[in-house]
């Protein structure tokens, strides 16, 4: 905690997240190029006013060029002299099929090509729909399907809800695995360096294990709270910038409305605490029974699989939160920190199941602490061959 790297990782992590959000979006949209000037020759006389605002919003400088017989030759000359990046020729065929010719001096990025194609296609669709008396703007923006739940207020089926559930579960997986691994490595280091023989002369091995878990957990909880607060501020402050760089994203209001409130943040922190205590107890036992880091990595593989399985099931649980499979998986204590979060965000879990899951996790924490404490008490002083399963069972019974 006193090292400068702890401060750097705590405060620098959110800044890296912001960097990874903004920089790729900027280069994907702009292709790493300066603002490009594009002329539009509108032989249809109806498409320019629909295309121009969209392209300007995407970062292009647009000007209208009137149609005349030698317009292509004239604009080619301007482009080769550097006055234009390129020009688009629209005609009556464009109104019928959406086909158009784009002349450019340098090859655009794939995102820029898609932007040009989308602008033309959207403009043609708007024109054809309006000719038929259809509200083009409402239709092309996509309908918002609302769910009318009998026991709750109306909610909206927006895509950000899925990502909050999935990324939240994955983030829990990462931080729990990281800090549980820190407990295992600290235990292994003390055992192999023989420092533990001096330490336990003044305290019980059980107290040493508990102190180690609480210490690492306090550090993890501190970093988690810093990341949550700073991450919220970054999303709220940085999302408008990201949307301005890539207007094809959802509206800022839609994204911000999917952010979890105080109650959800509290649930997230509680799930981290219970998940950390369960898996750190298991990792402490692994560190006590092994003699080398290679041994520890082999023994901890089943515990890593216990973390991977719920992450692999998160997307299924999000899509079907009320099925029997989702219910039983989320109530299994070692899976609960990840799948309860996914079900709560998806809005598909009764309150009593949340309470039951925390009760089961509490009993599991106590059971793991009891077993891990007995293994730790014997294993921390053992050296040589790694114990077999019968030997571990004997440690638990006799400790």
Protein backbone atom coordinates (compact mmCIF):
# COMPACT_ATOMS: atom_id res chain seq x y z
CA UNK A 1 0.00 0.00 0.00
CA UNK A 2 2.88 2.37 0.73
CA UNK A 3 4.52 1.81 -2.64
CA UNK A 4 4.14 4.33 -5.42
CA UNK A 5 2.83 1.58 -7.72
CA UNK A 6 -0.26 1.16 -5.56
CA UNK A 7 -1.07 4.85 -5.99
CA UNK A 8 -0.29 4.70 -9.72
CA UNK A 9 -2.49 1.63 -10.30
CA UNK A 10 -5.35 3.08 -8.22
CA UNK A 11 -5.42 6.51 -9.84
CA UNK A 12 -3.96 5.62 -13.24
CA UNK A 13 -6.39 2.79 -14.02
CA UNK A 14 -9.40 5.04 -14.72
CA UNK A 15 -7.26 7.35 -16.84
CA UNK A 16 -6.20 4.39 -18.98
CA UNK A 17 -9.86 3.42 -19.39
CA UNK A 18 -10.64 6.94 -20.64
CA UNK A 19 -7.65 6.79 -22.98
CA UNK A 20 -8.76 3.44 -24.40
CA UNK A 21 -12.28 4.82 -24.95
CA UNK A 22 -11.44 8.06 -26.71
CA UNK A 23 -8.28 7.42 -28.73
CA UNK A 24 -9.47 4.34 -30.70
CA UNK A 25 -12.83 6.01 -31.39
CA UNK A 26 -11.09 9.12 -32.71
CA UNK A 27 -8.79 7.23 -35.07
CA UNK A 28 -11.54 4.87 -36.23
CA UNK A 29 -13.77 7.77 -37.18
CA UNK A 30 -11.18 10.13 -38.59
CA UNK A 31 -8.76 7.56 -39.95
CA UNK A 32 -6.02 9.65 -38.36
CA UNK A 33 -6.54 12.37 -41.00
CA UNK A 34 -7.19 16.09 -40.80
CA UNK A 35 -10.64 17.42 -41.65
CA UNK A 36 -11.43 16.53 -45.27
CA UNK A 37 -13.28 18.75 -47.72
CA UNK A 38 -15.89 17.04 -49.84
CA UNK A 39 -17.98 18.51 -52.67
CA UNK A 40 -21.43 17.13 -53.46
CA UNK A 41 -22.85 17.40 -56.96
CA UNK A 42 -26.59 16.88 -56.54
CA UNK A 43 -28.16 16.16 -59.91
CA UNK A 44 -31.33 15.01 -58.13
CA UNK A 45 -31.87 18.41 -56.45
CA UNK A 46 -33.29 16.76 -53.30
CA UNK A 47 -30.51 14.75 -51.63
CA UNK A 48 -27.89 17.36 -50.69
CA UNK A 49 -29.92 18.90 -47.88
CA UNK A 50 -30.35 15.42 -46.37
CA UNK A 51 -26.76 14.21 -46.77
CA UNK A 52 -24.81 17.34 -45.82
CA UNK A 53 -25.82 17.61 -42.11
CA UNK A 54 -25.00 13.94 -41.54
CA UNK A 55 -21.52 14.24 -43.09
CA UNK A 56 -20.77 17.50 -41.25
CA UNK A 57 -21.72 15.76 -38.02
CA UNK A 58 -19.20 13.04 -38.91
CA UNK A 59 -16.38 15.57 -39.22
CA UNK A 60 -16.33 16.31 -42.96
CA UNK A 61 -16.30 19.77 -44.52
CA UNK A 62 -19.05 19.74 -47.14
CA UNK A 63 -19.89 22.14 -49.96
CA UNK A 64 -22.57 21.96 -52.64
CA UNK A 65 -21.59 22.10 -56.30
CA UNK A 66 -24.20 22.82 -58.98
CA UNK A 67 -24.60 20.39 -61.85
CA UNK A 68 -23.26 21.30 -65.32
CA UNK A 69 -21.84 19.16 -68.18
CA UNK A 70 -18.11 19.44 -67.30
CA UNK A 71 -18.53 19.41 -63.52
CA UNK A 72 -16.64 16.11 -63.05
CA UNK A 73 -13.65 17.35 -65.04
CA UNK A 74 -13.58 20.62 -63.14
CA UNK A 75 -13.76 18.95 -59.73
CA UNK A 76 -11.10 16.42 -60.70
CA UNK A 77 -8.75 19.33 -61.34
CA UNK A 78 -9.57 20.94 -57.98
CA UNK A 79 -8.98 17.64 -56.20
CA UNK A 80 -5.61 16.99 -57.85
CA UNK A 81 -4.53 20.54 -56.97
CA UNK A 82 -5.31 19.85 -53.31
CA UNK A 83 -8.39 22.07 -52.96
CA UNK A 84 -10.68 19.06 -52.35
CA UNK A 85 -10.30 15.64 -50.78
CA UNK A 86 -12.98 14.35 -53.12
CA UNK A 87 -16.52 14.76 -54.44
CA UNK A 88 -19.75 12.77 -54.74
CA UNK A 89 -21.91 12.71 -57.85
CA UNK A 90 -25.63 12.12 -57.25
CA UNK A 91 -28.20 11.76 -60.04
CA UNK A 92 -31.67 10.40 -60.75
CA UNK A 93 -30.33 6.83 -60.60
CA UNK A 94 -29.26 7.48 -57.01
CA UNK A 95 -32.87 8.26 -56.10
CA UNK A 96 -33.99 4.86 -57.42
CA UNK A 97 -31.16 2.52 -56.36
CA UNK A 98 -28.95 4.43 -53.92
CA UNK A 99 -25.98 4.09 -56.27
CA UNK A 100 -23.52 6.99 -56.45
CA UNK A 101 -19.92 7.67 -57.46
CA UNK A 102 -17.40 9.00 -54.95
CA UNK A 103 -14.13 10.40 -56.29
CA UNK A 104 -11.34 10.72 -53.70
CA UNK A 105 -7.64 11.59 -53.78
CA UNK A 106 -6.68 9.21 -50.95
CA UNK A 107 -8.31 5.97 -49.84
CA UNK A 108 -10.61 6.62 -46.85
CA UNK A 109 -10.66 4.48 -43.72
CA UNK A 110 -13.24 1.66 -43.59
CA UNK A 111 -15.29 3.68 -41.10
CA UNK A 112 -15.23 6.71 -43.40
CA UNK A 113 -16.35 4.55 -46.35
CA UNK A 114 -19.22 3.20 -44.27
CA UNK A 115 -20.13 6.76 -43.26
CA UNK A 116 -20.41 7.89 -46.89
CA UNK A 117 -22.44 4.85 -47.88
CA UNK A 118 -24.77 5.21 -44.89
CA UNK A 119 -25.33 8.92 -45.57
CA UNK A 120 -26.39 8.31 -49.16
CA UNK A 121 -28.55 5.27 -48.36
CA UNK A 122 -30.28 7.03 -45.47
CA UNK A 123 -30.98 10.13 -47.56
CA UNK A 124 -32.55 8.06 -50.36
CA UNK A 125 -34.69 6.11 -47.88
CA UNK A 126 -35.87 9.32 -46.21
CA UNK A 127 -36.85 10.79 -49.58
CA UNK A 128 -38.72 7.67 -50.72
CA UNK A 129 -40.54 7.28 -47.39
CA UNK A 130 -41.60 10.93 -47.26
CA UNK A 131 -42.97 10.65 -50.81
CA UNK A 132 -45.25 7.92 -49.48
CA UNK A 133 -46.34 9.95 -46.45
CA UNK A 134 -44.31 7.95 -43.88
CA UNK A 135 -42.58 9.65 -40.94
CA UNK A 136 -39.04 8.78 -42.06
CA UNK A 137 -37.24 10.16 -39.01
CA UNK A 138 -39.30 8.14 -36.54
CA UNK A 139 -39.05 4.96 -38.61
CA UNK A 140 -35.30 5.14 -39.31
CA UNK A 141 -34.40 6.00 -35.72
CA UNK A 142 -35.77 2.62 -34.64
CA UNK A 143 -38.65 1.92 -32.34
CA UNK A 144 -38.23 1.75 -28.56
CA UNK A 145 -39.91 -1.38 -27.24
CA UNK A 146 -41.25 -0.70 -23.75
CA UNK A 147 -42.08 -3.43 -21.27
CA UNK A 148 -45.13 -2.90 -19.09
CA UNK A 149 -44.46 -4.99 -15.96
CA UNK A 150 -47.47 -5.41 -13.68
CA UNK A 151 -45.44 -4.92 -10.49
CA UNK A 152 -42.95 -2.33 -11.69
CA UNK A 153 -42.69 0.88 -13.64
CA UNK A 154 -42.28 0.80 -17.38
CA UNK A 155 -38.75 -0.03 -18.50
CA UNK A 156 -37.02 0.18 -21.84
CA UNK A 157 -35.18 -2.64 -23.61
CA UNK A 158 -32.03 -0.73 -24.46
CA UNK A 159 -28.73 -2.37 -25.37
CA UNK A 160 -26.64 -0.66 -22.62
CA UNK A 161 -28.46 -2.78 -20.02
CA UNK A 162 -26.83 -5.89 -21.49
CA UNK A 163 -23.36 -4.35 -21.36
CA UNK A 164 -23.75 -3.13 -17.78
CA UNK A 165 -24.67 -6.67 -16.73
CA UNK A 166 -21.95 -8.39 -18.74
CA UNK A 167 -19.09 -5.98 -18.10
CA UNK A 168 -19.98 -5.74 -14.40
CA UNK A 169 -19.79 -9.53 -14.02
CA UNK A 170 -16.53 -9.66 -15.97
CA UNK A 171 -15.04 -6.86 -13.85
CA UNK A 172 -15.98 -8.78 -10.68
CA UNK A 173 -14.25 -11.84 -12.13
CA UNK A 174 -11.06 -9.87 -12.81
CA UNK A 175 -10.76 -8.14 -9.42
CA UNK A 176 -11.71 -11.21 -7.36
CA UNK A 177 -9.21 -13.38 -9.24
CA UNK A 178 -6.48 -10.73 -8.94
CA UNK A 179 -6.80 -10.16 -5.20
CA UNK A 180 -7.37 -13.83 -4.35
CA UNK A 181 -4.19 -14.60 -6.28
CA UNK A 182 -2.40 -11.92 -4.22
CA UNK A 183 -3.42 -13.76 -1.03
CA UNK A 184 -2.05 -17.03 -2.41
CA UNK A 185 1.26 -15.50 -3.48
CA UNK A 186 1.73 -13.71 -0.15
CA UNK A 187 1.12 -16.97 1.73
CA UNK A 188 3.48 -18.88 -0.54
CA UNK A 189 6.19 -16.23 -0.18
CA UNK A 190 6.05 -16.33 3.62
CA UNK A 191 6.13 -20.12 3.61
CA UNK A 192 9.06 -20.53 1.22
CA UNK A 193 11.14 -17.80 2.87
CA UNK A 194 10.50 -19.36 6.32
CA UNK A 195 9.35 -15.99 7.67
CA UNK A 196 6.17 -17.65 8.82
CA UNK A 197 8.03 -19.67 11.47
CA UNK A 198 8.92 -16.44 13.23
CA UNK A 199 5.48 -14.89 12.78
CA UNK A 200 3.41 -17.77 14.18
CA UNK A 201 5.57 -17.89 17.29
CA UNK A 202 3.55 -14.89 18.46
CA UNK A 203 0.11 -15.65 16.94
CA UNK A 204 -2.16 -18.45 15.83
CA UNK A 205 -1.93 -19.52 12.15
CA UNK A 206 -5.69 -18.90 11.91
CA UNK A 207 -5.18 -15.26 12.92
CA UNK A 208 -2.36 -14.91 10.40
CA UNK A 209 -4.54 -16.18 7.56
CA UNK A 210 -7.47 -13.99 8.60
CA UNK A 211 -5.25 -10.92 8.87
CA UNK A 212 -3.79 -11.59 5.44
CA UNK A 213 -7.21 -11.92 3.84
CA UNK A 214 -8.58 -8.82 5.59
CA UNK A 215 -5.51 -6.77 4.65
CA UNK A 216 -5.60 -7.68 0.98
CA UNK A 217 -9.39 -7.30 0.98
CA UNK A 218 -9.16 -3.78 2.43
CA UNK A 219 -6.69 -2.82 -0.29
CA UNK A 220 -8.92 -4.33 -2.96
CA UNK A 221 -12.05 -2.64 -1.61
CA UNK A 222 -10.26 0.73 -1.51
CA UNK A 223 -9.14 0.40 -5.12
CA UNK A 224 -12.57 -0.84 -6.18
CA UNK A 225 -14.34 2.16 -4.66
CA UNK A 226 -11.84 4.56 -6.26
CA UNK A 227 -12.35 2.88 -9.65
CA UNK A 228 -16.15 2.95 -9.33
CA UNK A 229 -16.30 6.64 -8.43
CA UNK A 230 -13.71 7.73 -10.99
CA UNK A 231 -15.21 5.43 -13.63
CA UNK A 232 -18.64 7.00 -13.10
CA UNK A 233 -17.17 10.49 -13.44
CA UNK A 234 -15.26 9.48 -16.57
CA UNK A 235 -18.34 7.99 -18.22
CA UNK A 236 -20.53 10.97 -17.35
CA UNK A 237 -17.90 13.48 -18.46
CA UNK A 238 -16.32 11.53 -21.32
CA UNK A 239 -19.34 9.98 -23.00
CA UNK A 240 -20.47 13.24 -24.66
CA UNK A 241 -16.96 13.57 -26.10
CA UNK A 242 -17.01 9.98 -27.34
CA UNK A 243 -20.43 10.43 -28.93
CA UNK A 244 -19.29 13.65 -30.58
CA UNK A 245 -16.38 11.75 -32.13
CA UNK A 246 -18.68 8.93 -33.25
CA UNK A 247 -22.28 10.14 -33.63
CA UNK A 248 -23.32 6.66 -34.78
CA UNK A 249 -23.37 5.59 -31.14
CA UNK A 250 -26.53 5.65 -29.04
CA UNK A 251 -27.65 8.98 -27.60
CA UNK A 252 -25.84 10.09 -24.45
CA UNK A 253 -29.10 10.05 -22.48
CA UNK A 254 -29.69 6.39 -23.38
CA UNK A 255 -26.22 5.35 -22.24
CA UNK A 256 -26.29 7.37 -19.02
CA UNK A 257 -29.75 6.06 -18.12
CA UNK A 258 -28.29 2.54 -18.03
CA UNK A 259 -25.70 3.46 -15.39
CA UNK A 260 -26.34 1.77 -12.03
CA UNK A 261 -27.62 3.84 -9.11
CA UNK A 262 -26.49 3.87 -5.48
CA UNK A 263 -28.41 0.69 -4.69
CA UNK A 264 -26.80 -1.19 -7.56
CA UNK A 265 -23.33 0.08 -6.65
CA UNK A 266 -23.89 -1.11 -3.06
CA UNK A 267 -24.96 -4.52 -4.36
CA UNK A 268 -21.86 -4.65 -6.58
CA UNK A 269 -19.54 -3.88 -3.64
CA UNK A 270 -21.25 -6.48 -1.43
CA UNK A 271 -20.94 -9.12 -4.14
CA UNK A 272 -17.23 -8.30 -4.44
CA UNK A 273 -16.73 -8.66 -0.67
CA UNK A 274 -18.45 -12.06 -0.47
CA UNK A 275 -16.78 -13.31 -3.65
CA UNK A 276 -13.38 -12.17 -2.44
CA UNK A 277 -13.71 -13.89 0.95
CA UNK A 278 -14.79 -17.17 -0.65
CA UNK A 279 -12.05 -17.33 -3.26
CA UNK A 280 -9.29 -15.79 -1.12
CA UNK A 281 -9.90 -18.46 1.54
CA UNK A 282 -9.47 -21.16 -1.10
CA UNK A 283 -6.34 -19.48 -2.46
CA UNK A 284 -4.85 -19.09 1.02
CA UNK A 285 -5.25 -22.84 1.53
CA UNK A 286 -3.54 -23.49 -1.82
CA UNK A 287 -0.63 -21.24 -0.87
CA UNK A 288 -0.24 -23.08 2.45
CA UNK A 289 -0.24 -26.58 0.96
CA UNK A 290 2.17 -25.89 -1.94
CA UNK A 291 5.92 -25.31 -1.94
CA UNK A 292 6.53 -23.60 -5.29
CA UNK A 293 4.66 -21.21 -7.54
CA UNK A 294 4.45 -23.90 -10.25
CA UNK A 295 2.69 -26.26 -7.83
CA UNK A 296 0.30 -23.53 -6.75
CA UNK A 297 -0.66 -22.71 -10.34
CA UNK A 298 -1.54 -26.35 -10.99
CA UNK A 299 -3.56 -26.75 -7.79
CA UNK A 300 -5.52 -23.52 -8.27
CA UNK A 301 -6.70 -24.51 -11.77
CA UNK A 302 -10.02 -25.98 -10.51
CA UNK A 303 -10.71 -22.72 -8.63
CA UNK A 304 -10.03 -20.70 -11.77
CA UNK A 305 -12.51 -22.93 -13.61
CA UNK A 306 -15.08 -22.17 -10.90
CA UNK A 307 -14.62 -18.51 -11.83
CA UNK A 308 -14.72 -19.09 -15.59
CA UNK A 309 -17.93 -21.16 -15.66
CA UNK A 310 -20.27 -18.37 -14.42
CA UNK A 311 -18.63 -15.85 -16.77
CA UNK A 312 -19.32 -18.22 -19.66
CA UNK A 313 -22.98 -18.42 -18.55
CA UNK A 314 -23.51 -14.68 -18.02
CA UNK A 315 -24.88 -13.97 -21.50
CA UNK A 316 -27.37 -16.86 -21.20
CA UNK A 317 -28.52 -15.66 -17.77
CA UNK A 318 -28.95 -12.10 -19.05
CA UNK A 319 -31.15 -13.28 -21.92
CA UNK A 320 -33.20 -15.70 -19.77
CA UNK A 321 -32.96 -14.49 -16.15
CA UNK A 322 -36.13 -16.21 -14.90
CA UNK A 323 -35.51 -19.78 -16.09
CA UNK A 324 -34.89 -22.60 -13.63
CA UNK A 325 -31.32 -23.00 -14.88
CA UNK A 326 -30.53 -19.31 -14.31
CA UNK A 327 -32.10 -19.45 -10.86
CA UNK A 328 -30.18 -22.50 -9.65
CA UNK A 329 -26.88 -21.35 -11.15
CA UNK A 330 -27.19 -17.93 -9.50
CA UNK A 331 -27.98 -19.50 -6.12
CA UNK A 332 -24.85 -21.67 -6.20
CA UNK A 333 -22.65 -19.63 -3.80
CA UNK A 334 -19.42 -19.72 -5.82
CA UNK A 335 -21.33 -18.49 -8.90
CA UNK A 336 -23.58 -16.00 -7.10
CA UNK A 337 -21.31 -12.90 -7.18
CA UNK A 338 -21.40 -12.90 -10.99
CA UNK A 339 -24.81 -14.32 -11.90
CA UNK A 340 -26.82 -12.49 -9.22
CA UNK A 341 -25.44 -9.25 -10.65
CA UNK A 342 -26.43 -10.27 -14.18
CA UNK A 343 -29.97 -11.22 -13.11
CA UNK A 344 -30.51 -8.06 -11.05
CA UNK A 345 -29.40 -5.77 -13.89
CA UNK A 346 -31.61 -7.72 -16.29
CA UNK A 347 -34.56 -7.17 -13.96
CA UNK A 348 -35.34 -10.86 -13.67
CA UNK A 349 -34.92 -11.84 -10.00
CA UNK A 350 -37.26 -11.69 -6.98
CA UNK A 351 -35.95 -9.93 -3.88
CA UNK A 352 -36.12 -13.11 -1.77
CA UNK A 353 -33.68 -14.85 -4.11
CA UNK A 354 -31.16 -12.05 -3.60
CA UNK A 355 -31.48 -12.44 0.16
CA UNK A 356 -31.20 -16.24 -0.09
CA UNK A 357 -28.07 -15.98 -2.25
CA UNK A 358 -26.35 -13.75 0.31
CA UNK A 359 -27.33 -16.14 3.11
CA UNK A 360 -25.87 -19.08 1.19
CA UNK A 361 -22.71 -17.10 0.42
CA UNK A 362 -22.34 -16.27 4.12
CA UNK A 363 -22.53 -19.96 5.10
CA UNK A 364 -20.07 -20.79 2.31
CA UNK A 365 -17.62 -18.14 3.52
CA UNK A 366 -17.76 -19.63 7.04
CA UNK A 367 -17.36 -23.19 5.73
CA UNK A 368 -14.42 -22.26 3.50
CA UNK A 369 -12.82 -20.31 6.35
CA UNK A 370 -13.15 -23.33 8.67
CA UNK A 371 -11.65 -25.79 6.15
CA UNK A 372 -9.00 -23.39 4.81
CA UNK A 373 -7.99 -22.40 8.35
CA UNK A 374 -7.30 -26.03 9.28
CA UNK A 375 -5.33 -26.66 6.08
CA UNK A 376 -3.45 -23.41 6.62
CA UNK A 377 -2.61 -24.30 10.23
CA UNK A 378 -0.84 -27.52 9.22
CA UNK A 379 0.32 -26.72 5.70
CA UNK A 380 2.04 -23.42 6.48
CA UNK A 381 4.76 -25.30 8.41
CA UNK A 382 5.01 -28.29 6.06
CA UNK A 383 7.71 -28.59 3.41
CA UNK A 384 8.61 -31.15 0.79
CA UNK A 385 6.06 -33.23 -1.11
CA UNK A 386 2.71 -31.72 -1.95
CA UNK A 387 -0.05 -33.34 0.15
CA UNK A 388 -2.50 -35.77 -1.41
CA UNK A 389 -6.27 -35.51 -0.99
CA UNK A 390 -6.36 -38.11 1.84
CA UNK A 391 -3.63 -36.17 3.64
CA UNK A 392 -5.58 -32.93 3.25
CA UNK A 393 -8.63 -34.62 4.73
CA UNK A 394 -6.54 -35.78 7.67
CA UNK A 395 -5.26 -32.22 8.19
CA UNK A 396 -8.84 -30.94 8.31
CA UNK A 397 -9.91 -33.57 10.85
CA UNK A 398 -6.85 -33.42 13.10
CA UNK A 399 -5.95 -29.71 13.04
